[in-house]
Amino acid sequence: MTQEVSKTAEPSVRPPVCADDRWYPAAPEALRREVNEYIASAPALDLPGDVVGLVAPHAGYFFSGHVAGAGYRQVQGDTYETVVLIGPDHRGIAFGGLAFADYDAWHTPLGDVPVDDELVAALDERLSLNRIERDSEHSLEVQLPFLQTALTEFKLVPIMMGDPSPAACRELGLAVADAVRDREALLVASTDLSHFYHYDRAKRLEEHTLKPILDFDPEGLAEDLDKSQAHACGGGPVAAVMIAARELGASQAHLVKYANSGDVWEDKSQVVGYAAVALTRQQ
């Protein structure tokens, strides 16, 4: 009688969909060089305490890479066991809820980032995440080369947020805080700000959107977003990350850098805004 031998399934890996030389470079050497330059060109600020969370933009690197790099400069060389990365669902594949691409790891030209299956399972049990077999969402992927460059080894919890309502922000934020309370975790919210306003008007709109963030008022931000009084495609993820960070002891938000596409491109008639913000906890 022949005994059947079970074979261990090969780990599933999400391929990069944005490594196309438009969002970011496809060649590893070029990507590593570009991301390093964005991070190295930014100052390391004397922030009060530990960085628990970051807000970073997710446009093509030509437009927003310098802003993202300034944010990731604040955690360069730090050690985190897990990165919880929350971004908006631009294409509706989260079906108005929360979703994650169901892979064991995410690949970029800089290598593989393993998924924290244990933490995903804990959040899934509490939040009922939609498992997506494949996706083309850019808001999460474009953060990975920065994380891979700035940090030592880490595991990833990638979440797409389809419902930015105040209630959904609170539910997600509290669940994330409970799940990572005993871990060294970095929380990252992926968002751009206003879209396609004139340069001068965009800057005025950004002031209003950034005020509740810098006041560390996630509920105020969520309410402003719900009333269309704030402009951020990933505003829900920002509010959720702020709620989670506050539960973990963070109490201050620091604007690291603000810019818009008109700062690097000649067309100032329809710009997109970007901000990097660090959320800190007193030591």
C-alpha atoms as a PDB file:
ATOM      1  CA  MET A   1       0.000   0.000   0.000  1.00  0.00           C
ATOM      2  CA  THR A   2       1.422   3.352  -1.019  1.00  0.00           C
ATOM      3  CA  GLN A   3       1.248   6.024   1.633  1.00  0.00           C
ATOM      4  CA  GLU A   4       0.157   9.401   0.295  1.00  0.00           C
ATOM      5  CA  VAL A   5       2.557  12.169   1.247  1.00  0.00           C
ATOM      6  CA  SER A   6       1.083  15.609   1.693  1.00  0.00           C
ATOM      7  CA  LYS A   7       2.952  18.472   0.098  1.00  0.00           C
ATOM      8  CA  THR A   8       3.275  21.866   1.663  1.00  0.00           C
ATOM      9  CA  ALA A   9       1.591  24.467  -0.488  1.00  0.00           C
ATOM     10  CA  GLU A  10       3.820  27.110  -1.979  1.00  0.00           C
ATOM     11  CA  PRO A  11       3.297  30.488  -0.311  1.00  0.00           C
ATOM     12  CA  SER A  12       1.145  32.856  -2.329  1.00  0.00           C
ATOM     13  CA  VAL A  13       2.775  36.171  -3.192  1.00  0.00           C
ATOM     14  CA  ARG A  14       1.014  39.311  -4.403  1.00  0.00           C
ATOM     15  CA  PRO A  15       2.862  40.607  -7.456  1.00  0.00           C
ATOM     16  CA  PRO A  16       3.508  44.341  -7.766  1.00  0.00           C
ATOM     17  CA  VAL A  17       1.082  46.122 -10.059  1.00  0.00           C
ATOM     18  CA  CYS A  18       2.573  49.616  -9.693  1.00  0.00           C
ATOM     19  CA  ALA A  19       6.214  48.828 -10.551  1.00  0.00           C
ATOM     20  CA  ASP A  20       5.682  50.221 -14.035  1.00  0.00           C
ATOM     21  CA  ASP A  21       8.065  53.202 -14.135  1.00  0.00           C
ATOM     22  CA  ARG A  22       5.060  55.485 -13.769  1.00  0.00           C
ATOM     23  CA  TRP A  23       4.027  54.913 -10.171  1.00  0.00           C
ATOM     24  CA  TYR A  24       7.551  53.865  -9.206  1.00  0.00           C
ATOM     25  CA  PRO A  25      10.631  52.326 -10.883  1.00  0.00           C
ATOM     26  CA  ALA A  26      10.512  48.682 -11.945  1.00  0.00           C
ATOM     27  CA  ALA A  27      14.268  48.087 -11.726  1.00  0.00           C
ATOM     28  CA  PRO A  28      15.433  47.271  -8.170  1.00  0.00           C
ATOM     29  CA  GLU A  29      18.563  49.419  -8.384  1.00  0.00           C
ATOM     30  CA  ALA A  30      16.672  52.461  -9.665  1.00  0.00           C
ATOM     31  CA  LEU A  31      13.903  52.003  -7.090  1.00  0.00           C
ATOM     32  CA  ARG A  32      16.334  51.614  -4.203  1.00  0.00           C
ATOM     33  CA  ARG A  33      18.291  54.673  -5.298  1.00  0.00           C
ATOM     34  CA  GLU A  34      15.192  56.845  -5.726  1.00  0.00           C
ATOM     35  CA  VAL A  35      13.616  55.905  -2.400  1.00  0.00           C
ATOM     36  CA  ASN A  36      16.930  56.335  -0.581  1.00  0.00           C
ATOM     37  CA  GLU A  37      17.283  59.809  -2.073  1.00  0.00           C
ATOM     38  CA  TYR A  38      13.793  60.835  -0.987  1.00  0.00           C
ATOM     39  CA  ILE A  39      14.419  59.661   2.567  1.00  0.00           C
ATOM     40  CA  ALA A  40      17.986  60.955   2.846  1.00  0.00           C
ATOM     41  CA  SER A  41      17.082  64.411   1.552  1.00  0.00           C
ATOM     42  CA  ALA A  42      14.614  64.965   4.430  1.00  0.00           C
ATOM     43  CA  PRO A  43      15.649  66.026   7.940  1.00  0.00           C
ATOM     44  CA  ALA A  44      15.140  63.786  10.943  1.00  0.00           C
ATOM     45  CA  LEU A  45      13.003  65.943  13.221  1.00  0.00           C
ATOM     46  CA  ASP A  46      13.441  66.083  16.967  1.00  0.00           C
ATOM     47  CA  LEU A  47      10.041  64.597  17.677  1.00  0.00           C
ATOM     48  CA  PRO A  48       8.827  64.264  21.284  1.00  0.00           C
ATOM     49  CA  GLY A  49       8.566  60.539  21.915  1.00  0.00           C
ATOM     50  CA  ASP A  50       8.090  57.420  19.850  1.00  0.00           C
ATOM     51  CA  VAL A  51       6.446  57.419  16.428  1.00  0.00           C
ATOM     52  CA  VAL A  52       3.344  55.225  16.662  1.00  0.00           C
ATOM     53  CA  GLY A  53       1.737  56.240  13.376  1.00  0.00           C
ATOM     54  CA  LEU A  54       2.431  57.918  10.061  1.00  0.00           C
ATOM     55  CA  VAL A  55       0.299  59.545   7.411  1.00  0.00           C
ATOM     56  CA  ALA A  56       1.899  59.315   3.963  1.00  0.00           C
ATOM     57  CA  PRO A  57       0.774  60.073   0.385  1.00  0.00           C
ATOM     58  CA  HIS A  58       0.319  57.483  -2.346  1.00  0.00           C
ATOM     59  CA  ALA A  59       0.701  59.244  -5.687  1.00  0.00           C
ATOM     60  CA  GLY A  60       3.369  58.426  -8.231  1.00  0.00           C
ATOM     61  CA  TYR A  61       6.808  58.974  -6.734  1.00  0.00           C
ATOM     62  CA  PHE A  62       7.611  61.869  -9.092  1.00  0.00           C
ATOM     63  CA  PHE A  63       4.768  63.832  -7.509  1.00  0.00           C
ATOM     64  CA  SER A  64       4.653  62.732  -3.874  1.00  0.00           C
ATOM     65  CA  GLY A  65       7.800  60.708  -3.219  1.00  0.00           C
ATOM     66  CA  HIS A  66       9.577  63.638  -1.575  1.00  0.00           C
ATOM     67  CA  VAL A  67       6.692  64.036   0.880  1.00  0.00           C
ATOM     68  CA  ALA A  68       6.473  60.318   1.656  1.00  0.00           C
ATOM     69  CA  GLY A  69      10.243  60.178   2.089  1.00  0.00           C
ATOM     70  CA  ALA A  70      10.091  62.972   4.665  1.00  0.00           C
ATOM     71  CA  GLY A  71       7.565  60.952   6.644  1.00  0.00           C
ATOM     72  CA  TYR A  72       9.528  57.712   6.518  1.00  0.00           C
ATOM     73  CA  ARG A  73      12.721  59.561   7.476  1.00  0.00           C
ATOM     74  CA  GLN A  74      11.195  59.885  10.955  1.00  0.00           C
ATOM     75  CA  VAL A  75      11.210  56.083  11.462  1.00  0.00           C
ATOM     76  CA  GLN A  76      14.353  55.235   9.525  1.00  0.00           C
ATOM     77  CA  GLY A  77      16.259  52.448  11.249  1.00  0.00           C
ATOM     78  CA  ASP A  78      13.537  51.855  13.839  1.00  0.00           C
ATOM     79  CA  THR A  79      12.377  48.361  14.713  1.00  0.00           C
ATOM     80  CA  TYR A  80       8.741  47.375  14.410  1.00  0.00           C
ATOM     81  CA  GLU A  81       7.427  43.835  14.520  1.00  0.00           C
ATOM     82  CA  THR A  82       4.388  44.649  12.410  1.00  0.00           C
ATOM     83  CA  VAL A  83       3.228  47.453  10.138  1.00  0.00           C
ATOM     84  CA  VAL A  84      -0.537  47.925   9.925  1.00  0.00           C
ATOM     85  CA  LEU A  85      -1.065  49.681   6.606  1.00  0.00           C
ATOM     86  CA  ILE A  86      -4.530  51.111   5.921  1.00  0.00           C
ATOM     87  CA  GLY A  87      -5.480  52.717   2.644  1.00  0.00           C
ATOM     88  CA  PRO A  88      -8.643  53.697   0.785  1.00  0.00           C
ATOM     89  CA  ASP A  89     -10.420  51.451  -1.688  1.00  0.00           C
ATOM     90  CA  HIS A  90     -10.264  53.400  -4.933  1.00  0.00           C
ATOM     91  CA  ARG A  91     -11.899  50.702  -7.068  1.00  0.00           C
ATOM     92  CA  GLY A  92     -14.764  49.435  -4.933  1.00  0.00           C
ATOM     93  CA  ILE A  93     -13.403  45.940  -4.389  1.00  0.00           C
ATOM     94  CA  ALA A  94     -13.901  46.125  -0.620  1.00  0.00           C
ATOM     95  CA  PHE A  95     -17.665  46.263  -1.255  1.00  0.00           C
ATOM     96  CA  GLY A  96     -18.127  49.155   1.146  1.00  0.00           C
ATOM     97  CA  GLY A  97     -16.389  47.373   4.000  1.00  0.00           C
ATOM     98  CA  LEU A  98     -12.877  46.285   4.896  1.00  0.00           C
ATOM     99  CA  ALA A  99     -10.787  44.027   2.696  1.00  0.00           C
ATOM    100  CA  PHE A 100      -7.322  42.568   2.315  1.00  0.00           C
ATOM    101  CA  ALA A 101      -5.604  40.837  -0.564  1.00  0.00           C
ATOM    102  CA  ASP A 102      -5.330  37.232   0.601  1.00  0.00           C
ATOM    103  CA  TYR A 103      -1.620  36.476   0.137  1.00  0.00           C
ATOM    104  CA  ASP A 104       1.170  35.167   2.333  1.00  0.00           C
ATOM    105  CA  ALA A 105       3.493  37.949   1.197  1.00  0.00           C
ATOM    106  CA  TRP A 106       3.630  41.078  -0.956  1.00  0.00           C
ATOM    107  CA  HIS A 107       6.386  41.440  -3.530  1.00  0.00           C
ATOM    108  CA  THR A 108       8.081  44.592  -4.765  1.00  0.00           C
ATOM    109  CA  PRO A 109      11.298  44.900  -6.781  1.00  0.00           C
ATOM    110  CA  LEU A 110      13.044  45.214  -3.386  1.00  0.00           C
ATOM    111  CA  GLY A 111      11.873  41.769  -2.233  1.00  0.00           C
ATOM    112  CA  ASP A 112       9.028  40.101  -0.353  1.00  0.00           C
ATOM    113  CA  VAL A 113       7.204  41.428   2.703  1.00  0.00           C
ATOM    114  CA  PRO A 114       5.549  38.642   4.726  1.00  0.00           C
ATOM    115  CA  VAL A 115       1.976  39.118   5.887  1.00  0.00           C
ATOM    116  CA  ASP A 116       1.268  38.871   9.614  1.00  0.00           C
ATOM    117  CA  ASP A 117      -1.278  36.070   9.294  1.00  0.00           C
ATOM    118  CA  GLU A 118      -1.893  35.887  13.041  1.00  0.00           C
ATOM    119  CA  LEU A 119      -2.802  39.533  13.291  1.00  0.00           C
ATOM    120  CA  VAL A 120      -4.895  39.461  10.108  1.00  0.00           C
ATOM    121  CA  ALA A 121      -6.838  36.520  11.563  1.00  0.00           C
ATOM    122  CA  ALA A 122      -7.423  38.398  14.822  1.00  0.00           C
ATOM    123  CA  LEU A 123      -8.764  41.433  12.966  1.00  0.00           C
ATOM    124  CA  ASP A 124     -10.825  39.252  10.639  1.00  0.00           C
ATOM    125  CA  GLU A 125     -12.517  37.610  13.605  1.00  0.00           C
ATOM    126  CA  ARG A 126     -13.536  40.985  14.989  1.00  0.00           C
ATOM    127  CA  LEU A 127     -14.198  42.929  11.786  1.00  0.00           C
ATOM    128  CA  SER A 128     -15.163  40.332   9.139  1.00  0.00           C
ATOM    129  CA  LEU A 129     -12.660  41.358   6.489  1.00  0.00           C
ATOM    130  CA  ASN A 130     -13.424  40.658   2.849  1.00  0.00           C
ATOM    131  CA  ARG A 131     -10.724  38.415   1.394  1.00  0.00           C
ATOM    132  CA  ILE A 132      -9.768  39.514  -2.117  1.00  0.00           C
ATOM    133  CA  GLU A 133      -8.027  37.057  -4.439  1.00  0.00           C
ATOM    134  CA  ARG A 134      -6.438  39.778  -6.572  1.00  0.00           C
ATOM    135  CA  ASP A 135      -6.430  43.539  -6.609  1.00  0.00           C
ATOM    136  CA  SER A 136      -4.949  46.543  -8.376  1.00  0.00           C
ATOM    137  CA  GLU A 137      -5.163  48.995  -5.476  1.00  0.00           C
ATOM    138  CA  HIS A 138      -2.155  51.323  -5.463  1.00  0.00           C
ATOM    139  CA  SER A 139      -2.600  53.069  -2.106  1.00  0.00           C
ATOM    140  CA  LEU A 140      -1.034  50.204  -0.154  1.00  0.00           C
ATOM    141  CA  GLU A 141       1.580  48.965  -2.588  1.00  0.00           C
ATOM    142  CA  VAL A 142       3.339  52.282  -3.175  1.00  0.00           C
ATOM    143  CA  GLN A 143       4.115  52.529   0.559  1.00  0.00           C
ATOM    144  CA  LEU A 144       6.028  49.249   0.623  1.00  0.00           C
ATOM    145  CA  PRO A 145       9.345  50.301  -0.985  1.00  0.00           C
ATOM    146  CA  PHE A 146       9.553  53.147   1.545  1.00  0.00           C
ATOM    147  CA  LEU A 147       8.860  50.754   4.417  1.00  0.00           C
ATOM    148  CA  GLN A 148      11.368  48.236   3.049  1.00  0.00           C
ATOM    149  CA  THR A 149      14.012  50.942   2.829  1.00  0.00           C
ATOM    150  CA  ALA A 150      13.358  52.732   6.125  1.00  0.00           C
ATOM    151  CA  LEU A 151      12.788  49.759   8.433  1.00  0.00           C
ATOM    152  CA  THR A 152      14.428  46.532   9.401  1.00  0.00           C
ATOM    153  CA  GLU A 153      12.444  43.314   8.936  1.00  0.00           C
ATOM    154  CA  PHE A 154       8.725  43.554   9.601  1.00  0.00           C
ATOM    155  CA  LYS A 155       5.442  41.798   8.863  1.00  0.00           C
ATOM    156  CA  LEU A 156       2.553  43.479   7.098  1.00  0.00           C
ATOM    157  CA  VAL A 157      -1.170  43.853   7.757  1.00  0.00           C
ATOM    158  CA  PRO A 158      -2.605  45.444   4.573  1.00  0.00           C
ATOM    159  CA  ILE A 159      -6.178  46.727   4.855  1.00  0.00           C
ATOM    160  CA  MET A 160      -8.350  48.477   2.276  1.00  0.00           C
ATOM    161  CA  MET A 161     -11.099  50.630   3.770  1.00  0.00           C
ATOM    162  CA  GLY A 162     -14.266  51.028   1.735  1.00  0.00           C
ATOM    163  CA  ASP A 163     -16.423  52.723   4.377  1.00  0.00           C
ATOM    164  CA  PRO A 164     -14.938  55.961   5.785  1.00  0.00           C
ATOM    165  CA  SER A 165     -17.929  56.741   8.023  1.00  0.00           C
ATOM    166  CA  PRO A 166     -17.194  57.940  11.568  1.00  0.00           C
ATOM    167  CA  ALA A 167     -18.563  54.682  13.000  1.00  0.00           C
ATOM    168  CA  ALA A 168     -16.396  52.562  10.706  1.00  0.00           C
ATOM    169  CA  CYS A 169     -13.303  54.626  11.554  1.00  0.00           C
ATOM    170  CA  ARG A 170     -13.898  54.115  15.254  1.00  0.00           C
ATOM    171  CA  GLU A 171     -14.563  50.398  14.924  1.00  0.00           C
ATOM    172  CA  LEU A 172     -11.426  49.803  12.876  1.00  0.00           C
ATOM    173  CA  GLY A 173      -9.244  52.021  15.040  1.00  0.00           C
ATOM    174  CA  LEU A 174     -10.272  50.315  18.281  1.00  0.00           C
ATOM    175  CA  ALA A 175      -9.862  46.847  16.771  1.00  0.00           C
ATOM    176  CA  VAL A 176      -6.366  47.634  15.493  1.00  0.00           C
ATOM    177  CA  ALA A 177      -5.307  49.058  18.846  1.00  0.00           C
ATOM    178  CA  ASP A 178      -6.533  45.977  20.706  1.00  0.00           C
ATOM    179  CA  ALA A 179      -4.819  43.649  18.226  1.00  0.00           C
ATOM    180  CA  VAL A 180      -1.382  45.293  18.392  1.00  0.00           C
ATOM    181  CA  ARG A 181      -1.340  46.357  22.031  1.00  0.00           C
ATOM    182  CA  ASP A 182       1.350  43.825  22.953  1.00  0.00           C
ATOM    183  CA  ARG A 183       3.423  44.323  19.804  1.00  0.00           C
ATOM    184  CA  GLU A 184       5.899  46.851  18.485  1.00  0.00           C
ATOM    185  CA  ALA A 185       3.705  48.132  15.675  1.00  0.00           C
ATOM    186  CA  LEU A 186       3.782  51.035  13.267  1.00  0.00           C
ATOM    187  CA  LEU A 187       0.416  52.247  11.989  1.00  0.00           C
ATOM    188  CA  VAL A 188       0.417  53.841   8.539  1.00  0.00           C
ATOM    189  CA  ALA A 189      -2.472  55.671   6.876  1.00  0.00           C
ATOM    190  CA  SER A 190      -2.148  56.113   3.130  1.00  0.00           C
ATOM    191  CA  THR A 191      -3.851  59.194   1.705  1.00  0.00           C
ATOM    192  CA  ASP A 192      -3.636  62.068  -0.707  1.00  0.00           C
ATOM    193  CA  LEU A 193      -5.478  65.287   0.070  1.00  0.00           C
ATOM    194  CA  SER A 194      -7.604  67.472  -2.216  1.00  0.00           C
ATOM    195  CA  HIS A 195      -7.820  66.580  -5.898  1.00  0.00           C
ATOM    196  CA  PHE A 196      -7.831  68.850  -8.959  1.00  0.00           C
ATOM    197  CA  TYR A 197      -8.343  72.300  -7.477  1.00  0.00           C
ATOM    198  CA  HIS A 198      -6.239  75.327  -8.409  1.00  0.00           C
ATOM    199  CA  TYR A 199      -2.959  75.533  -6.497  1.00  0.00           C
ATOM    200  CA  ASP A 200      -4.037  78.428  -4.258  1.00  0.00           C
ATOM    201  CA  ARG A 201      -7.455  76.993  -3.435  1.00  0.00           C
ATOM    202  CA  ALA A 202      -5.947  73.583  -2.746  1.00  0.00           C
ATOM    203  CA  LYS A 203      -3.628  75.075  -0.142  1.00  0.00           C
ATOM    204  CA  ARG A 204      -6.596  76.712   1.600  1.00  0.00           C
ATOM    205  CA  LEU A 205      -8.542  73.431   1.547  1.00  0.00           C
ATOM    206  CA  GLU A 206      -5.555  71.551   2.954  1.00  0.00           C
ATOM    207  CA  GLU A 207      -5.371  73.896   5.916  1.00  0.00           C
ATOM    208  CA  HIS A 208      -8.924  72.939   6.845  1.00  0.00           C
ATOM    209  CA  THR A 209      -8.322  69.208   6.303  1.00  0.00           C
ATOM    210  CA  LEU A 210      -5.064  69.166   8.257  1.00  0.00           C
ATOM    211  CA  LYS A 211      -6.405  71.121  11.245  1.00  0.00           C
ATOM    212  CA  PRO A 212      -8.238  68.225  12.987  1.00  0.00           C
ATOM    213  CA  ILE A 213      -5.320  65.930  12.172  1.00  0.00           C
ATOM    214  CA  LEU A 214      -2.765  68.248  13.764  1.00  0.00           C
ATOM    215  CA  ASP A 215      -5.177  68.909  16.660  1.00  0.00           C
ATOM    216  CA  PHE A 216      -5.269  65.115  17.143  1.00  0.00           C
ATOM    217  CA  ASP A 217      -9.021  65.090  16.694  1.00  0.00           C
ATOM    218  CA  PRO A 218      -9.864  61.971  14.646  1.00  0.00           C
ATOM    219  CA  GLU A 219     -13.562  62.255  15.396  1.00  0.00           C
ATOM    220  CA  GLY A 220     -13.560  65.829  14.107  1.00  0.00           C
ATOM    221  CA  LEU A 221     -11.742  64.712  10.976  1.00  0.00           C
ATOM    222  CA  ALA A 222     -14.225  61.886  10.394  1.00  0.00           C
ATOM    223  CA  GLU A 223     -17.161  64.253  10.837  1.00  0.00           C
ATOM    224  CA  ASP A 224     -15.644  66.799   8.447  1.00  0.00           C
ATOM    225  CA  LEU A 225     -15.063  64.072   5.863  1.00  0.00           C
ATOM    226  CA  ASP A 226     -18.626  62.824   6.293  1.00  0.00           C
ATOM    227  CA  LYS A 227     -19.918  66.352   5.604  1.00  0.00           C
ATOM    228  CA  SER A 228     -17.487  66.868   2.672  1.00  0.00           C
ATOM    229  CA  GLN A 229     -15.825  69.651   4.637  1.00  0.00           C
ATOM    230  CA  ALA A 230     -12.449  67.899   4.488  1.00  0.00           C
ATOM    231  CA  HIS A 231     -10.748  66.534   1.399  1.00  0.00           C
ATOM    232  CA  ALA A 232      -8.679  63.344   1.566  1.00  0.00           C
ATOM    233  CA  CYS A 233      -9.265  60.152  -0.391  1.00  0.00           C
ATOM    234  CA  GLY A 234      -7.805  58.195   2.524  1.00  0.00           C
ATOM    235  CA  GLY A 235      -9.343  60.323   5.238  1.00  0.00           C
ATOM    236  CA  GLY A 236     -11.080  57.303   6.758  1.00  0.00           C
ATOM    237  CA  PRO A 237      -7.786  55.424   7.138  1.00  0.00           C
ATOM    238  CA  VAL A 238      -6.227  58.538   8.697  1.00  0.00           C
ATOM    239  CA  ALA A 239      -9.015  58.815  11.282  1.00  0.00           C
ATOM    240  CA  ALA A 240      -8.843  55.084  12.038  1.00  0.00           C
ATOM    241  CA  VAL A 241      -5.053  55.173  12.473  1.00  0.00           C
ATOM    242  CA  MET A 242      -5.334  58.220  14.730  1.00  0.00           C
ATOM    243  CA  ILE A 243      -7.935  56.484  16.903  1.00  0.00           C
ATOM    244  CA  ALA A 244      -5.738  53.388  17.161  1.00  0.00           C
ATOM    245  CA  ALA A 245      -2.637  55.470  17.895  1.00  0.00           C
ATOM    246  CA  ARG A 246      -4.473  57.398  20.613  1.00  0.00           C
ATOM    247  CA  GLU A 247      -5.552  54.124  22.229  1.00  0.00           C
ATOM    248  CA  LEU A 248      -1.865  53.131  22.217  1.00  0.00           C
ATOM    249  CA  GLY A 249      -0.834  56.315  24.010  1.00  0.00           C
ATOM    250  CA  ALA A 250      -0.144  58.749  21.178  1.00  0.00           C
ATOM    251  CA  SER A 251      -1.292  62.290  21.819  1.00  0.00           C
ATOM    252  CA  GLN A 252       0.466  64.551  19.322  1.00  0.00           C
ATOM    253  CA  ALA A 253       0.489  64.925  15.539  1.00  0.00           C
ATOM    254  CA  HIS A 254       3.350  66.670  13.761  1.00  0.00           C
ATOM    255  CA  LEU A 255       3.260  67.976  10.204  1.00  0.00           C
ATOM    256  CA  VAL A 256       6.498  66.719   8.682  1.00  0.00           C
ATOM    257  CA  LYS A 257       5.932  68.053   5.172  1.00  0.00           C
ATOM    258  CA  TYR A 258       3.171  69.419   2.961  1.00  0.00           C
ATOM    259  CA  ALA A 259       3.256  69.953  -0.814  1.00  0.00           C
ATOM    260  CA  ASN A 260       1.097  69.481  -3.851  1.00  0.00           C
ATOM    261  CA  SER A 261       1.679  68.389  -7.416  1.00  0.00           C
ATOM    262  CA  GLY A 262       2.016  72.013  -8.501  1.00  0.00           C
ATOM    263  CA  ASP A 263       5.295  72.174  -6.567  1.00  0.00           C
ATOM    264  CA  VAL A 264       6.946  69.717  -8.967  1.00  0.00           C
ATOM    265  CA  TRP A 265       4.840  70.145 -12.126  1.00  0.00           C
ATOM    266  CA  GLU A 266       4.202  73.274 -14.142  1.00  0.00           C
ATOM    267  CA  ASP A 267       0.410  72.873 -14.254  1.00  0.00           C
ATOM    268  CA  LYS A 268      -1.052  74.582 -11.201  1.00  0.00           C
ATOM    269  CA  SER A 269      -4.641  74.627 -12.435  1.00  0.00           C
ATOM    270  CA  GLN A 270      -5.547  71.144 -11.126  1.00  0.00           C
ATOM    271  CA  VAL A 271      -3.283  69.916  -8.360  1.00  0.00           C
ATOM    272  CA  VAL A 272      -3.337  67.074  -5.827  1.00  0.00           C
ATOM    273  CA  GLY A 273      -2.283  67.677  -2.224  1.00  0.00           C
ATOM    274  CA  TYR A 274       0.094  65.577  -0.122  1.00  0.00           C
ATOM    275  CA  ALA A 275       1.089  65.564   3.536  1.00  0.00           C
ATOM    276  CA  ALA A 276       3.336  63.530   5.796  1.00  0.00           C
ATOM    277  CA  VAL A 277       2.334  63.506   9.464  1.00  0.00           C
ATOM    278  CA  ALA A 278       3.929  61.707  12.425  1.00  0.00           C
ATOM    279  CA  LEU A 279       1.869  60.595  15.422  1.00  0.00           C
ATOM    280  CA  THR A 280       3.917  60.364  18.597  1.00  0.00           C
ATOM    281  CA  ARG A 281       3.628  58.899  22.075  1.00  0.00           C
ATOM    282  CA  GLN A 282       5.499  60.462  24.979  1.00  0.00           C
ATOM    283  CA  GLN A 283       8.265  58.202  26.281  1.00  0.00           C
END
